All heavy atoms as atom14 arrays in JSON, in Angstrom:
{
  "sequence": "DFNNVSIASIAVPYAQTEDEIEHKLAFLEVLQQHMKKTRRKR",
  "atom14_mask": [
    [1, 1, 1, 1, 1, 1, 1, 1, 0, 0, 0, 0, 0, 0],
    [1, 1, 1, 1, 1, 1, 1, 1, 1, 1, 1, 0, 0, 0],
    [1, 1, 1, 1, 1, 1, 1, 1, 0, 0, 0, 0, 0, 0],
    [1, 1, 1, 1, 1, 1, 1, 1, 0, 0, 0, 0, 0, 0],
    [1, 1, 1, 1, 1, 1, 1, 0, 0, 0, 0, 0, 0, 0],
    [1, 1, 1, 1, 1, 1, 0, 0, 0, 0, 0, 0, 0, 0],
    [1, 1, 1, 1, 1, 1, 1, 1, 0, 0, 0, 0, 0, 0],
    [1, 1, 1, 1, 1, 0, 0, 0, 0, 0, 0, 0, 0, 0],
    [1, 1, 1, 1, 1, 1, 0, 0, 0, 0, 0, 0, 0, 0],
    [1, 1, 1, 1, 1, 1, 1, 1, 0, 0, 0, 0, 0, 0],
    [1, 1, 1, 1, 1, 0, 0, 0, 0, 0, 0, 0, 0, 0],
    [1, 1, 1, 1, 1, 1, 1, 0, 0, 0, 0, 0, 0, 0],
    [1, 1, 1, 1, 1, 1, 1, 0, 0, 0, 0, 0, 0, 0],
    [1, 1, 1, 1, 1, 1, 1, 1, 1, 1, 1, 1, 0, 0],
    [1, 1, 1, 1, 1, 0, 0, 0, 0, 0, 0, 0, 0, 0],
    [1, 1, 1, 1, 1, 1, 1, 1, 1, 0, 0, 0, 0, 0],
    [1, 1, 1, 1, 1, 1, 1, 0, 0, 0, 0, 0, 0, 0],
    [1, 1, 1, 1, 1, 1, 1, 1, 1, 0, 0, 0, 0, 0],
    [1, 1, 1, 1, 1, 1, 1, 1, 0, 0, 0, 0, 0, 0],
    [1, 1, 1, 1, 1, 1, 1, 1, 1, 0, 0, 0, 0, 0],
    [1, 1, 1, 1, 1, 1, 1, 1, 0, 0, 0, 0, 0, 0],
    [1, 1, 1, 1, 1, 1, 1, 1, 1, 0, 0, 0, 0, 0],
    [1, 1, 1, 1, 1, 1, 1, 1, 1, 1, 0, 0, 0, 0],
    [1, 1, 1, 1, 1, 1, 1, 1, 1, 0, 0, 0, 0, 0],
    [1, 1, 1, 1, 1, 1, 1, 1, 0, 0, 0, 0, 0, 0],
    [1, 1, 1, 1, 1, 0, 0, 0, 0, 0, 0, 0, 0, 0],
    [1, 1, 1, 1, 1, 1, 1, 1, 1, 1, 1, 0, 0, 0],
    [1, 1, 1, 1, 1, 1, 1, 1, 0, 0, 0, 0, 0, 0],
    [1, 1, 1, 1, 1, 1, 1, 1, 1, 0, 0, 0, 0, 0],
    [1, 1, 1, 1, 1, 1, 1, 0, 0, 0, 0, 0, 0, 0],
    [1, 1, 1, 1, 1, 1, 1, 1, 0, 0, 0, 0, 0, 0],
    [1, 1, 1, 1, 1, 1, 1, 1, 1, 0, 0, 0, 0, 0],
    [1, 1, 1, 1, 1, 1, 1, 1, 1, 0, 0, 0, 0, 0],
    [1, 1, 1, 1, 1, 1, 1, 1, 1, 1, 0, 0, 0, 0],
    [1, 1, 1, 1, 1, 1, 1, 1, 0, 0, 0, 0, 0, 0],
    [1, 1, 1, 1, 1, 1, 1, 1, 1, 0, 0, 0, 0, 0],
    [1, 1, 1, 1, 1, 1, 1, 1, 1, 0, 0, 0, 0, 0],
    [1, 1, 1, 1, 1, 1, 1, 0, 0, 0, 0, 0, 0, 0],
    [1, 1, 1, 1, 1, 1, 1, 1, 1, 1, 1, 0, 0, 0],
    [1, 1, 1, 1, 1, 1, 1, 1, 1, 1, 1, 0, 0, 0],
    [1, 1, 1, 1, 1, 1, 1, 1, 1, 0, 0, 0, 0, 0],
    [1, 1, 1, 1, 1, 1, 1, 1, 1, 1, 1, 0, 0, 0]
  ],
  "atom14_positions": [
    [[75.7, -14.85, 34.92], [75.67, -15.96, 33.95], [75.81, -15.38, 32.53], [74.99, -14.53, 32.13], [74.37, -16.75, 34.05], [74.28, -17.59, 35.32], [75.34, -17.75, 35.99], [73.18, -18.04, 35.65], [0.0, 0.0, 0.0], [0.0, 0.0, 0.0], [0.0, 0.0, 0.0], [0.0, 0.0, 0.0], [0.0, 0.0, 0.0], [0.0, 0.0, 0.0]],
    [[76.8, -15.85, 31.8], [76.95, -15.54, 30.4], [76.69, -16.75, 29.56], [76.39, -17.81, 30.07], [78.34, -14.96, 30.18], [78.68, -13.74, 31.03], [79.36, -13.87, 32.21], [78.25, -12.47, 30.64], [79.67, -12.77, 33.02], [78.53, -11.35, 31.41], [79.23, -11.52, 32.64], [0.0, 0.0, 0.0], [0.0, 0.0, 0.0], [0.0, 0.0, 0.0]],
    [[76.87, -16.64, 28.26], [76.59, -17.8, 27.38], [77.48, -19.0, 27.72], [76.98, -20.13, 27.77], [76.78, -17.44, 25.91], [75.69, -16.55, 25.41], [74.5, -16.64, 25.83], [76.0, -15.68, 24.45], [0.0, 0.0, 0.0], [0.0, 0.0, 0.0], [0.0, 0.0, 0.0], [0.0, 0.0, 0.0], [0.0, 0.0, 0.0], [0.0, 0.0, 0.0]],
    [[78.76, -18.78, 27.91], [79.7, -19.86, 28.03], [80.32, -20.05, 29.42], [81.02, -21.03, 29.65], [80.88, -19.64, 27.03], [80.43, -19.69, 25.62], [79.56, -20.54, 25.22], [80.92, -18.79, 24.77], [0.0, 0.0, 0.0], [0.0, 0.0, 0.0], [0.0, 0.0, 0.0], [0.0, 0.0, 0.0], [0.0, 0.0, 0.0], [0.0, 0.0, 0.0]],
    [[80.04, -19.14, 30.33], [80.67, -19.2, 31.62], [79.81, -18.39, 32.67], [79.12, -17.46, 32.28], [82.11, -18.67, 31.62], [82.14, -17.15, 31.27], [82.87, -18.94, 32.88], [0.0, 0.0, 0.0], [0.0, 0.0, 0.0], [0.0, 0.0, 0.0], [0.0, 0.0, 0.0], [0.0, 0.0, 0.0], [0.0, 0.0, 0.0], [0.0, 0.0, 0.0]],
    [[79.91, -18.82, 33.89], [79.3, -18.05, 34.98], [80.42, -17.55, 35.86], [81.33, -18.29, 36.18], [78.35, -18.96, 35.8], [77.23, -19.3, 35.07], [0.0, 0.0, 0.0], [0.0, 0.0, 0.0], [0.0, 0.0, 0.0], [0.0, 0.0, 0.0], [0.0, 0.0, 0.0], [0.0, 0.0, 0.0], [0.0, 0.0, 0.0], [0.0, 0.0, 0.0]],
    [[80.32, -16.31, 36.27], [81.39, -15.65, 37.1], [80.73, -15.15, 38.38], [79.79, -14.37, 38.35], [82.04, -14.56, 36.31], [82.67, -15.07, 35.03], [83.14, -13.89, 37.21], [83.26, -14.02, 34.12], [0.0, 0.0, 0.0], [0.0, 0.0, 0.0], [0.0, 0.0, 0.0], [0.0, 0.0, 0.0], [0.0, 0.0, 0.0], [0.0, 0.0, 0.0]],
    [[81.29, -15.57, 39.55], [80.76, -15.16, 40.81], [81.73, -14.32, 41.55], [82.99, -14.48, 41.45], [80.38, -16.37, 41.63], [0.0, 0.0, 0.0], [0.0, 0.0, 0.0], [0.0, 0.0, 0.0], [0.0, 0.0, 0.0], [0.0, 0.0, 0.0], [0.0, 0.0, 0.0], [0.0, 0.0, 0.0], [0.0, 0.0, 0.0], [0.0, 0.0, 0.0]],
    [[81.23, -13.42, 42.34], [82.06, -12.62, 43.31], [81.65, -13.11, 44.7], [80.47, -13.05, 45.1], [81.73, -11.09, 43.15], [82.45, -10.36, 44.06], [0.0, 0.0, 0.0], [0.0, 0.0, 0.0], [0.0, 0.0, 0.0], [0.0, 0.0, 0.0], [0.0, 0.0, 0.0], [0.0, 0.0, 0.0], [0.0, 0.0, 0.0], [0.0, 0.0, 0.0]],
    [[82.69, -13.53, 45.48], [82.44, -14.17, 46.77], [83.25, -13.49, 47.84], [84.45, -13.22, 47.68], [82.85, -15.66, 46.69], [82.04, -16.38, 45.62], [82.68, -16.33, 48.08], [82.58, -17.77, 45.32], [0.0, 0.0, 0.0], [0.0, 0.0, 0.0], [0.0, 0.0, 0.0], [0.0, 0.0, 0.0], [0.0, 0.0, 0.0], [0.0, 0.0, 0.0]],
    [[82.56, -13.2, 48.98], [83.24, -12.6, 50.1], [83.15, -13.51, 51.35], [82.13, -13.57, 52.0], [82.63, -11.23, 50.46], [0.0, 0.0, 0.0], [0.0, 0.0, 0.0], [0.0, 0.0, 0.0], [0.0, 0.0, 0.0], [0.0, 0.0, 0.0], [0.0, 0.0, 0.0], [0.0, 0.0, 0.0], [0.0, 0.0, 0.0], [0.0, 0.0, 0.0]],
    [[84.19, -14.25, 51.62], [84.27, -15.1, 52.79], [84.46, -14.16, 54.0], [85.23, -13.19, 53.92], [85.41, -16.11, 52.68], [85.57, -16.89, 53.97], [85.16, -17.06, 51.51], [0.0, 0.0, 0.0], [0.0, 0.0, 0.0], [0.0, 0.0, 0.0], [0.0, 0.0, 0.0], [0.0, 0.0, 0.0], [0.0, 0.0, 0.0], [0.0, 0.0, 0.0]],
    [[83.79, -14.43, 55.14], [83.96, -13.54, 56.29], [85.41, -13.47, 56.79], [86.11, -14.46, 56.83], [83.06, -14.21, 57.37], [82.08, -15.04, 56.61], [82.84, -15.52, 55.38], [0.0, 0.0, 0.0], [0.0, 0.0, 0.0], [0.0, 0.0, 0.0], [0.0, 0.0, 0.0], [0.0, 0.0, 0.0], [0.0, 0.0, 0.0], [0.0, 0.0, 0.0]],
    [[85.79, -12.27, 57.14], [87.04, -12.03, 57.86], [86.85, -12.44, 59.34], [85.77, -12.26, 59.89], [87.4, -10.56, 57.78], [88.56, -10.14, 58.66], [89.88, -10.4, 58.25], [88.38, -9.54, 59.87], [90.95, -10.05, 59.05], [89.43, -9.13, 60.68], [90.74, -9.4, 60.27], [91.79, -9.05, 61.06], [0.0, 0.0, 0.0], [0.0, 0.0, 0.0]],
    [[87.88, -13.06, 59.91], [87.7, -13.55, 61.29], [88.96, -13.33, 62.14], [90.11, -13.45, 61.6], [87.35, -15.03, 61.27], [0.0, 0.0, 0.0], [0.0, 0.0, 0.0], [0.0, 0.0, 0.0], [0.0, 0.0, 0.0], [0.0, 0.0, 0.0], [0.0, 0.0, 0.0], [0.0, 0.0, 0.0], [0.0, 0.0, 0.0], [0.0, 0.0, 0.0]],
    [[88.76, -13.01, 63.4], [89.83, -12.93, 64.35], [89.48, -13.67, 65.64], [90.25, -14.47, 66.11], [90.2, -11.46, 64.67], [91.06, -10.81, 63.61], [91.6, -9.42, 64.08], [90.81, -8.58, 64.56], [92.92, -9.19, 63.97], [0.0, 0.0, 0.0], [0.0, 0.0, 0.0], [0.0, 0.0, 0.0], [0.0, 0.0, 0.0], [0.0, 0.0, 0.0]],
    [[88.31, -13.32, 66.18], [87.91, -13.95, 67.44], [87.41, -15.36, 67.25], [87.14, -15.78, 66.1], [86.79, -13.1, 68.09], [85.61, -13.21, 67.3], [87.19, -11.65, 68.22], [0.0, 0.0, 0.0], [0.0, 0.0, 0.0], [0.0, 0.0, 0.0], [0.0, 0.0, 0.0], [0.0, 0.0, 0.0], [0.0, 0.0, 0.0], [0.0, 0.0, 0.0]],
    [[87.24, -16.09, 68.33], [86.75, -17.46, 68.23], [85.37, -17.52, 67.59], [85.1, -18.38, 66.74], [86.74, -18.13, 69.6], [86.41, -19.59, 69.61], [86.56, -20.24, 70.97], [87.34, -19.75, 71.78], [85.83, -21.22, 71.25], [0.0, 0.0, 0.0], [0.0, 0.0, 0.0], [0.0, 0.0, 0.0], [0.0, 0.0, 0.0], [0.0, 0.0, 0.0]],
    [[84.47, -16.64, 68.0], [83.13, -16.62, 67.4], [83.19, -16.28, 65.92], [82.43, -16.84, 65.12], [82.26, -15.56, 68.14], [81.86, -16.04, 69.53], [82.0, -17.22, 69.86], [81.43, -15.18, 70.33], [0.0, 0.0, 0.0], [0.0, 0.0, 0.0], [0.0, 0.0, 0.0], [0.0, 0.0, 0.0], [0.0, 0.0, 0.0], [0.0, 0.0, 0.0]],
    [[84.05, -15.34, 65.55], [84.19, -14.98, 64.12], [84.72, -16.14, 63.32], [84.32, -16.35, 62.17], [85.07, -13.79, 64.0], [84.45, -12.46, 64.46], [85.42, -11.3, 64.49], [86.65, -11.56, 64.42], [84.92, -10.16, 64.55], [0.0, 0.0, 0.0], [0.0, 0.0, 0.0], [0.0, 0.0, 0.0], [0.0, 0.0, 0.0], [0.0, 0.0, 0.0]],
    [[85.66, -16.91, 63.87], [86.18, -18.07, 63.19], [85.09, -19.14, 62.98], [84.98, -19.72, 61.87], [87.37, -18.66, 63.96], [88.56, -17.68, 63.92], [87.77, -20.03, 63.39], [89.7, -18.06, 64.85], [0.0, 0.0, 0.0], [0.0, 0.0, 0.0], [0.0, 0.0, 0.0], [0.0, 0.0, 0.0], [0.0, 0.0, 0.0], [0.0, 0.0, 0.0]],
    [[84.27, -19.34, 64.0], [83.16, -20.28, 63.84], [82.18, -19.82, 62.72], [81.68, -20.61, 61.93], [82.4, -20.47, 65.21], [83.19, -21.19, 66.23], [82.4, -21.36, 67.5], [81.24, -20.97, 67.54], [82.99, -21.88, 68.46], [0.0, 0.0, 0.0], [0.0, 0.0, 0.0], [0.0, 0.0, 0.0], [0.0, 0.0, 0.0], [0.0, 0.0, 0.0]],
    [[81.97, -18.52, 62.71], [81.07, -17.92, 61.71], [81.67, -18.11, 60.29], [80.96, -18.53, 59.38], [80.97, -16.43, 61.99], [80.04, -15.67, 61.09], [78.66, -15.74, 61.16], [80.28, -14.8, 60.08], [78.12, -14.97, 60.23], [79.12, -14.38, 59.58], [0.0, 0.0, 0.0], [0.0, 0.0, 0.0], [0.0, 0.0, 0.0], [0.0, 0.0, 0.0]],
    [[82.95, -17.92, 60.2], [83.63, -18.08, 58.91], [83.62, -19.53, 58.42], [83.27, -19.83, 57.27], [85.08, -17.62, 59.03], [85.99, -17.84, 57.8], [87.39, -17.35, 58.09], [88.3, -17.5, 56.9], [89.7, -17.01, 57.19], [0.0, 0.0, 0.0], [0.0, 0.0, 0.0], [0.0, 0.0, 0.0], [0.0, 0.0, 0.0], [0.0, 0.0, 0.0]],
    [[83.88, -20.47, 59.33], [83.88, -21.88, 58.98], [82.5, -22.36, 58.56], [82.34, -23.23, 57.7], [84.42, -22.72, 60.13], [85.95, -22.52, 60.46], [86.3, -23.32, 61.71], [86.79, -22.91, 59.29], [0.0, 0.0, 0.0], [0.0, 0.0, 0.0], [0.0, 0.0, 0.0], [0.0, 0.0, 0.0], [0.0, 0.0, 0.0], [0.0, 0.0, 0.0]],
    [[81.49, -21.84, 59.24], [80.12, -22.19, 58.87], [79.8, -21.71, 57.43], [79.15, -22.43, 56.68], [79.11, -21.56, 59.89], [0.0, 0.0, 0.0], [0.0, 0.0, 0.0], [0.0, 0.0, 0.0], [0.0, 0.0, 0.0], [0.0, 0.0, 0.0], [0.0, 0.0, 0.0], [0.0, 0.0, 0.0], [0.0, 0.0, 0.0], [0.0, 0.0, 0.0]],
    [[80.23, -20.52, 57.1], [80.01, -20.01, 55.73], [80.75, -20.93, 54.72], [80.27, -21.27, 53.66], [80.44, -18.59, 55.57], [80.37, -18.11, 54.14], [79.15, -17.72, 53.57], [81.5, -18.05, 53.35], [79.06, -17.34, 52.28], [81.41, -17.59, 52.02], [80.18, -17.26, 51.49], [0.0, 0.0, 0.0], [0.0, 0.0, 0.0], [0.0, 0.0, 0.0]],
    [[82.01, -21.24, 55.07], [82.82, -22.06, 54.15], [82.13, -23.42, 53.91], [82.25, -23.97, 52.79], [84.22, -22.26, 54.69], [85.15, -21.03, 54.63], [86.42, -21.29, 55.42], [85.46, -20.7, 53.19], [0.0, 0.0, 0.0], [0.0, 0.0, 0.0], [0.0, 0.0, 0.0], [0.0, 0.0, 0.0], [0.0, 0.0, 0.0], [0.0, 0.0, 0.0]],
    [[81.47, -23.99, 54.92], [80.78, -25.23, 54.74], [79.65, -25.08, 53.69], [79.45, -25.93, 52.83], [80.23, -25.74, 56.06], [79.39, -26.97, 55.95], [80.12, -28.19, 55.4], [81.33, -28.27, 55.55], [79.45, -29.05, 54.78], [0.0, 0.0, 0.0], [0.0, 0.0, 0.0], [0.0, 0.0, 0.0], [0.0, 0.0, 0.0], [0.0, 0.0, 0.0]],
    [[78.89, -24.0, 53.82], [77.81, -23.73, 52.88], [78.36, -23.53, 51.46], [77.86, -24.0, 50.46], [76.98, -22.52, 53.33], [75.96, -22.14, 52.24], [76.23, -22.85, 54.62], [0.0, 0.0, 0.0], [0.0, 0.0, 0.0], [0.0, 0.0, 0.0], [0.0, 0.0, 0.0], [0.0, 0.0, 0.0], [0.0, 0.0, 0.0], [0.0, 0.0, 0.0]],
    [[79.45, -22.73, 51.38], [80.08, -22.5, 50.07], [80.59, -23.82, 49.48], [80.48, -24.05, 48.25], [81.21, -21.48, 50.23], [81.97, -21.15, 48.96], [81.07, -20.57, 47.91], [83.14, -20.19, 49.25], [0.0, 0.0, 0.0], [0.0, 0.0, 0.0], [0.0, 0.0, 0.0], [0.0, 0.0, 0.0], [0.0, 0.0, 0.0], [0.0, 0.0, 0.0]],
    [[81.16, -24.65, 50.3], [81.68, -25.93, 49.77], [80.57, -26.77, 49.19], [80.7, -27.4, 48.09], [82.38, -26.72, 50.88], [83.04, -27.99, 50.39], [83.76, -28.73, 51.51], [83.19, -29.57, 52.23], [85.03, -28.36, 51.76], [0.0, 0.0, 0.0], [0.0, 0.0, 0.0], [0.0, 0.0, 0.0], [0.0, 0.0, 0.0], [0.0, 0.0, 0.0]],
    [[79.41, -26.83, 49.85], [78.27, -27.59, 49.32], [77.82, -27.0, 47.97], [77.46, -27.77, 47.09], [77.13, -27.62, 50.34], [77.48, -28.39, 51.63], [77.97, -29.8, 51.35], [77.36, -30.56, 50.6], [79.07, -30.15, 52.02], [0.0, 0.0, 0.0], [0.0, 0.0, 0.0], [0.0, 0.0, 0.0], [0.0, 0.0, 0.0], [0.0, 0.0, 0.0]],
    [[77.83, -25.69, 47.91], [77.44, -25.05, 46.68], [78.43, -25.36, 45.53], [78.01, -25.62, 44.39], [77.39, -23.52, 46.85], [76.94, -22.77, 45.62], [75.61, -22.74, 45.22], [77.62, -22.07, 44.72], [75.52, -22.03, 44.1], [76.74, -21.62, 43.76], [0.0, 0.0, 0.0], [0.0, 0.0, 0.0], [0.0, 0.0, 0.0], [0.0, 0.0, 0.0]],
    [[79.72, -25.36, 45.83], [80.71, -25.7, 44.86], [80.55, -27.15, 44.36], [80.68, -27.45, 43.17], [82.11, -25.51, 45.44], [82.42, -24.01, 45.74], [83.97, -23.75, 46.63], [85.14, -23.8, 45.27], [0.0, 0.0, 0.0], [0.0, 0.0, 0.0], [0.0, 0.0, 0.0], [0.0, 0.0, 0.0], [0.0, 0.0, 0.0], [0.0, 0.0, 0.0]],
    [[80.17, -28.03, 45.25], [79.93, -29.42, 44.8], [78.73, -29.49, 43.85], [78.8, -30.22, 42.86], [79.62, -30.29, 46.04], [80.83, -30.55, 46.9], [80.45, -31.41, 48.14], [81.64, -31.7, 49.02], [81.25, -32.46, 50.23], [0.0, 0.0, 0.0], [0.0, 0.0, 0.0], [0.0, 0.0, 0.0], [0.0, 0.0, 0.0], [0.0, 0.0, 0.0]],
    [[77.71, -28.71, 44.12], [76.54, -28.7, 43.25], [76.92, -28.17, 41.87], [76.44, -28.69, 40.84], [75.43, -27.84, 43.84], [74.82, -28.42, 45.06], [73.75, -27.47, 45.66], [73.11, -28.04, 46.91], [72.16, -27.05, 47.51], [0.0, 0.0, 0.0], [0.0, 0.0, 0.0], [0.0, 0.0, 0.0], [0.0, 0.0, 0.0], [0.0, 0.0, 0.0]],
    [[77.74, -27.13, 41.81], [78.08, -26.54, 40.5], [78.91, -27.55, 39.65], [78.8, -27.49, 38.42], [78.9, -25.27, 40.72], [80.12, -25.57, 41.32], [78.14, -24.23, 41.49], [0.0, 0.0, 0.0], [0.0, 0.0, 0.0], [0.0, 0.0, 0.0], [0.0, 0.0, 0.0], [0.0, 0.0, 0.0], [0.0, 0.0, 0.0], [0.0, 0.0, 0.0]],
    [[79.64, -28.4, 40.31], [80.42, -29.39, 39.54], [79.55, -30.37, 38.79], [80.04, -31.04, 37.9], [81.45, -30.07, 40.44], [82.51, -29.15, 40.99], [83.49, -28.69, 39.94], [84.36, -29.78, 39.49], [84.37, -30.27, 38.26], [83.6, -29.76, 37.33], [85.2, -31.24, 37.95], [0.0, 0.0, 0.0], [0.0, 0.0, 0.0], [0.0, 0.0, 0.0]],
    [[78.32, -30.49, 39.21], [77.42, -31.42, 38.54], [76.64, -30.74, 37.38], [75.89, -31.4, 36.66], [76.4, -31.95, 39.56], [77.04, -32.79, 40.66], [75.96, -33.6, 41.43], [75.16, -32.78, 42.25], [75.38, -32.53, 43.55], [76.46, -33.02, 44.11], [74.56, -31.79, 44.23], [0.0, 0.0, 0.0], [0.0, 0.0, 0.0], [0.0, 0.0, 0.0]],
    [[76.89, -29.46, 37.19], [76.21, -28.73, 36.12], [77.05, -28.69, 34.84], [78.29, -28.74, 34.9], [75.86, -27.29, 36.57], [74.94, -27.26, 37.77], [74.61, -25.83, 38.14], [73.67, -25.78, 39.33], [73.36, -24.36, 39.72], [0.0, 0.0, 0.0], [0.0, 0.0, 0.0], [0.0, 0.0, 0.0], [0.0, 0.0, 0.0], [0.0, 0.0, 0.0]],
    [[76.38, -28.62, 33.76], [77.09, -28.54, 32.45], [77.43, -27.13, 32.08], [77.01, -26.62, 31.04], [76.26, -29.2, 31.39], [76.04, -30.72, 31.6], [75.26, -31.34, 30.51], [75.11, -32.81, 30.7], [74.43, -33.59, 29.9], [73.85, -33.08, 28.78], [74.34, -34.9, 30.13], [0.0, 0.0, 0.0], [0.0, 0.0, 0.0], [0.0, 0.0, 0.0]]
  ]
}
């Protein structure tokens, strides 16, 4: 967090197998909810 902007580094899981894809999609759901929350911030 800086005075005028916040900058994040994000690593979405790499996936190949079916289990890995489910793992990746679960993370993306959590990240999406977080992105929605940030849009409500000033």
